[in-house]
Amino acid sequence: MSISAAQCRGARGLLGWSQSDLSEASKTATKTIADFERGARQPYPRTLEDVRKALERAGIEFIDENGGGAGVRLKKSKR
């Protein structure tokens, strides 16, 4: 599953992460993330997969387009 720039921004917001935080977690250049989020470029599929996996490891769930729009949410914590 690919992610959109809006989902990436939203996921970072939920986590309180900067673009630099995501860059470090995903081993992706900060400029690549910044350009993607502002719509200036579409990263390679492998790069987007690395970004998605880093966000998922941090607790983000991506919600597919299901008529209500694609989105993100934090996973419930297991207590």
N, C-alpha and C. Protein backbone atom coordinates (compact mmCIF):
# COMPACT_ATOMS: atom_id res chain seq x y z
N MET A 1 0.84 -1.19 0.00
CA MET A 1 0.00 0.00 0.00
C MET A 1 0.88 1.24 0.00
N SER A 2 0.58 2.15 -0.89
CA SER A 2 1.30 3.41 -0.94
C SER A 2 0.66 4.40 0.03
N ILE A 3 1.39 5.41 0.40
CA ILE A 3 0.83 6.44 1.27
C ILE A 3 0.86 7.78 0.55
N SER A 4 -0.03 8.64 0.95
CA SER A 4 -0.09 9.98 0.35
C SER A 4 0.73 10.96 1.19
N ALA A 5 1.01 12.11 0.61
CA ALA A 5 1.73 13.15 1.33
C ALA A 5 0.93 13.60 2.56
N ALA A 6 -0.39 13.69 2.42
CA ALA A 6 -1.24 14.10 3.54
C ALA A 6 -1.19 13.07 4.66
N GLN A 7 -1.19 11.79 4.31
CA GLN A 7 -1.09 10.74 5.34
C GLN A 7 0.27 10.83 6.05
N CYS A 8 1.30 11.11 5.32
CA CYS A 8 2.63 11.22 5.91
C CYS A 8 2.67 12.39 6.90
N ARG A 9 2.16 13.54 6.49
CA ARG A 9 2.11 14.71 7.39
C ARG A 9 1.26 14.42 8.61
N GLY A 10 0.11 13.79 8.40
CA GLY A 10 -0.79 13.48 9.50
C GLY A 10 -0.18 12.50 10.48
N ALA A 11 0.51 11.49 9.96
CA ALA A 11 1.15 10.50 10.81
C ALA A 11 2.23 11.16 11.66
N ARG A 12 3.03 12.01 11.04
CA ARG A 12 4.06 12.71 11.81
C ARG A 12 3.43 13.57 12.89
N GLY A 13 2.32 14.21 12.56
CA GLY A 13 1.63 15.05 13.53
C GLY A 13 1.14 14.25 14.73
N LEU A 14 0.57 13.09 14.47
CA LEU A 14 0.08 12.24 15.56
C LEU A 14 1.22 11.79 16.47
N LEU A 15 2.38 11.57 15.88
CA LEU A 15 3.54 11.12 16.66
C LEU A 15 4.33 12.27 17.28
N GLY A 16 4.08 13.48 16.80
CA GLY A 16 4.87 14.62 17.25
C GLY A 16 6.28 14.61 16.66
N TRP A 17 6.40 14.01 15.48
CA TRP A 17 7.70 13.89 14.82
C TRP A 17 7.92 15.02 13.84
N SER A 18 9.16 15.46 13.75
CA SER A 18 9.58 16.39 12.72
C SER A 18 9.95 15.59 11.47
N GLN A 19 10.19 16.29 10.38
CA GLN A 19 10.66 15.61 9.17
C GLN A 19 12.01 14.95 9.44
N SER A 20 12.82 15.59 10.26
CA SER A 20 14.12 15.01 10.62
C SER A 20 13.96 13.71 11.41
N ASP A 21 12.98 13.68 12.32
CA ASP A 21 12.72 12.44 13.07
C ASP A 21 12.35 11.31 12.13
N LEU A 22 11.47 11.60 11.18
CA LEU A 22 11.06 10.57 10.23
C LEU A 22 12.22 10.17 9.33
N SER A 23 13.02 11.14 8.96
CA SER A 23 14.20 10.86 8.15
C SER A 23 15.12 9.86 8.85
N GLU A 24 15.36 10.10 10.12
CA GLU A 24 16.22 9.20 10.89
C GLU A 24 15.61 7.81 11.03
N ALA A 25 14.32 7.75 11.34
CA ALA A 25 13.65 6.47 11.56
C ALA A 25 13.55 5.64 10.28
N SER A 26 13.42 6.31 9.15
CA SER A 26 13.22 5.59 7.88
C SER A 26 14.49 5.50 7.03
N LYS A 27 15.56 6.14 7.49
CA LYS A 27 16.81 6.18 6.73
C LYS A 27 16.58 6.77 5.34
N THR A 28 15.79 7.85 5.33
CA THR A 28 15.45 8.57 4.10
C THR A 28 15.90 10.02 4.27
N ALA A 29 16.38 10.62 3.22
CA ALA A 29 16.85 12.01 3.30
C ALA A 29 15.70 12.94 3.71
N THR A 30 16.00 13.87 4.58
CA THR A 30 15.00 14.85 5.02
C THR A 30 14.44 15.62 3.82
N LYS A 31 15.29 15.96 2.86
CA LYS A 31 14.83 16.69 1.67
C LYS A 31 13.82 15.86 0.88
N THR A 32 14.03 14.56 0.79
CA THR A 32 13.08 13.69 0.09
C THR A 32 11.72 13.74 0.77
N ILE A 33 11.71 13.68 2.10
CA ILE A 33 10.44 13.74 2.84
C ILE A 33 9.78 15.10 2.66
N ALA A 34 10.56 16.17 2.77
CA ALA A 34 10.01 17.52 2.61
C ALA A 34 9.43 17.71 1.21
N ASP A 35 10.17 17.27 0.19
CA ASP A 35 9.68 17.40 -1.19
C ASP A 35 8.42 16.59 -1.42
N PHE A 36 8.36 15.39 -0.87
CA PHE A 36 7.18 14.54 -1.00
C PHE A 36 5.97 15.20 -0.34
N GLU A 37 6.15 15.66 0.88
CA GLU A 37 5.03 16.24 1.63
C GLU A 37 4.49 17.52 1.01
N ARG A 38 5.31 18.25 0.28
CA ARG A 38 4.80 19.47 -0.36
C ARG A 38 4.43 19.25 -1.83
N GLY A 39 4.51 17.99 -2.27
CA GLY A 39 4.06 17.65 -3.62
C GLY A 39 5.05 17.95 -4.72
N ALA A 40 6.31 18.18 -4.37
CA ALA A 40 7.33 18.52 -5.36
C ALA A 40 7.91 17.29 -6.06
N ARG A 41 7.77 16.12 -5.44
CA ARG A 41 8.28 14.90 -6.06
C ARG A 41 7.59 13.69 -5.48
N GLN A 42 7.61 12.62 -6.25
CA GLN A 42 7.08 11.33 -5.81
C GLN A 42 8.27 10.41 -5.61
N PRO A 43 8.56 10.02 -4.37
CA PRO A 43 9.71 9.14 -4.12
C PRO A 43 9.52 7.77 -4.77
N TYR A 44 10.63 7.06 -4.89
CA TYR A 44 10.58 5.69 -5.38
C TYR A 44 9.69 4.85 -4.47
N PRO A 45 9.03 3.84 -5.02
CA PRO A 45 8.18 2.97 -4.19
C PRO A 45 8.91 2.39 -2.98
N ARG A 46 10.15 2.01 -3.13
CA ARG A 46 10.92 1.43 -2.01
C ARG A 46 11.11 2.48 -0.90
N THR A 47 11.32 3.73 -1.29
CA THR A 47 11.50 4.79 -0.31
C THR A 47 10.21 5.01 0.46
N LEU A 48 9.09 5.03 -0.24
CA LEU A 48 7.80 5.19 0.44
C LEU A 48 7.51 4.02 1.36
N GLU A 49 7.94 2.82 0.97
CA GLU A 49 7.76 1.66 1.82
C GLU A 49 8.58 1.80 3.11
N ASP A 50 9.80 2.31 2.98
CA ASP A 50 10.65 2.54 4.16
C ASP A 50 10.01 3.56 5.10
N VAL A 51 9.44 4.62 4.54
CA VAL A 51 8.77 5.65 5.34
C VAL A 51 7.55 5.06 6.03
N ARG A 52 6.74 4.33 5.28
CA ARG A 52 5.53 3.72 5.84
C ARG A 52 5.88 2.76 6.97
N LYS A 53 6.87 1.91 6.76
CA LYS A 53 7.26 0.94 7.78
C LYS A 53 7.77 1.63 9.05
N ALA A 54 8.52 2.71 8.90
CA ALA A 54 9.01 3.45 10.07
C ALA A 54 7.85 4.03 10.87
N LEU A 55 6.87 4.56 10.18
CA LEU A 55 5.70 5.12 10.86
C LEU A 55 4.87 4.03 11.53
N GLU A 56 4.74 2.90 10.86
CA GLU A 56 3.99 1.78 11.45
C GLU A 56 4.69 1.23 12.69
N ARG A 57 6.01 1.15 12.65
CA ARG A 57 6.76 0.69 13.83
C ARG A 57 6.53 1.63 15.02
N ALA A 58 6.29 2.89 14.72
CA ALA A 58 6.07 3.88 15.77
C ALA A 58 4.63 3.89 16.28
N GLY A 59 3.75 3.10 15.64
CA GLY A 59 2.38 2.98 16.14
C GLY A 59 1.30 3.54 15.24
N ILE A 60 1.64 3.89 14.02
CA ILE A 60 0.66 4.44 13.08
C ILE A 60 -0.02 3.32 12.31
N GLU A 61 -1.32 3.44 12.11
CA GLU A 61 -2.07 2.57 11.20
C GLU A 61 -2.56 3.43 10.05
N PHE A 62 -2.35 2.95 8.85
CA PHE A 62 -2.84 3.64 7.66
C PHE A 62 -4.20 3.09 7.29
N ILE A 63 -5.12 3.98 6.97
CA ILE A 63 -6.49 3.61 6.63
C ILE A 63 -6.65 3.81 5.12
N ASP A 64 -7.05 2.74 4.44
CA ASP A 64 -7.26 2.80 2.99
C ASP A 64 -8.44 3.68 2.63
N GLU A 65 -8.43 4.12 1.39
CA GLU A 65 -9.58 4.83 0.83
C GLU A 65 -10.75 3.85 0.84
N ASN A 66 -11.81 4.21 1.52
CA ASN A 66 -12.96 3.30 1.61
C ASN A 66 -14.27 4.07 1.43
N GLY A 67 -14.20 5.11 0.67
CA GLY A 67 -15.38 5.94 0.48
C GLY A 67 -15.40 7.13 1.42
N GLY A 68 -14.69 7.02 2.53
CA GLY A 68 -14.63 8.11 3.49
C GLY A 68 -13.32 8.86 3.43
N GLY A 69 -12.41 8.40 2.60
CA GLY A 69 -11.11 9.04 2.47
C GLY A 69 -10.02 8.27 3.20
N ALA A 70 -8.83 8.30 2.64
CA ALA A 70 -7.68 7.67 3.27
C ALA A 70 -7.30 8.46 4.51
N GLY A 71 -6.67 7.79 5.46
CA GLY A 71 -6.29 8.48 6.68
C GLY A 71 -5.24 7.73 7.47
N VAL A 72 -5.03 8.21 8.70
CA VAL A 72 -4.09 7.59 9.64
C VAL A 72 -4.68 7.64 11.04
N ARG A 73 -4.21 6.73 11.87
CA ARG A 73 -4.59 6.75 13.28
C ARG A 73 -3.50 6.06 14.08
N LEU A 74 -3.50 6.34 15.39
CA LEU A 74 -2.59 5.65 16.29
C LEU A 74 -3.21 4.33 16.71
N LYS A 75 -2.40 3.29 16.76
CA LYS A 75 -2.88 2.00 17.24
C LYS A 75 -3.22 2.12 18.72
N LYS A 76 -4.16 1.33 19.15
CA LYS A 76 -4.46 1.24 20.57
C LYS A 76 -3.27 0.61 21.27
N SER A 77 -2.91 1.16 22.40
CA SER A 77 -1.81 0.56 23.14
C SER A 77 -2.29 -0.69 23.85
N LYS A 78 -1.44 -1.68 23.89
CA LYS A 78 -1.78 -2.94 24.56
C LYS A 78 -1.33 -2.83 26.00
N ARG A 79 -2.24 -2.97 26.92
CA ARG A 79 -1.90 -2.81 28.34
C ARG A 79 -1.97 -4.10 29.05
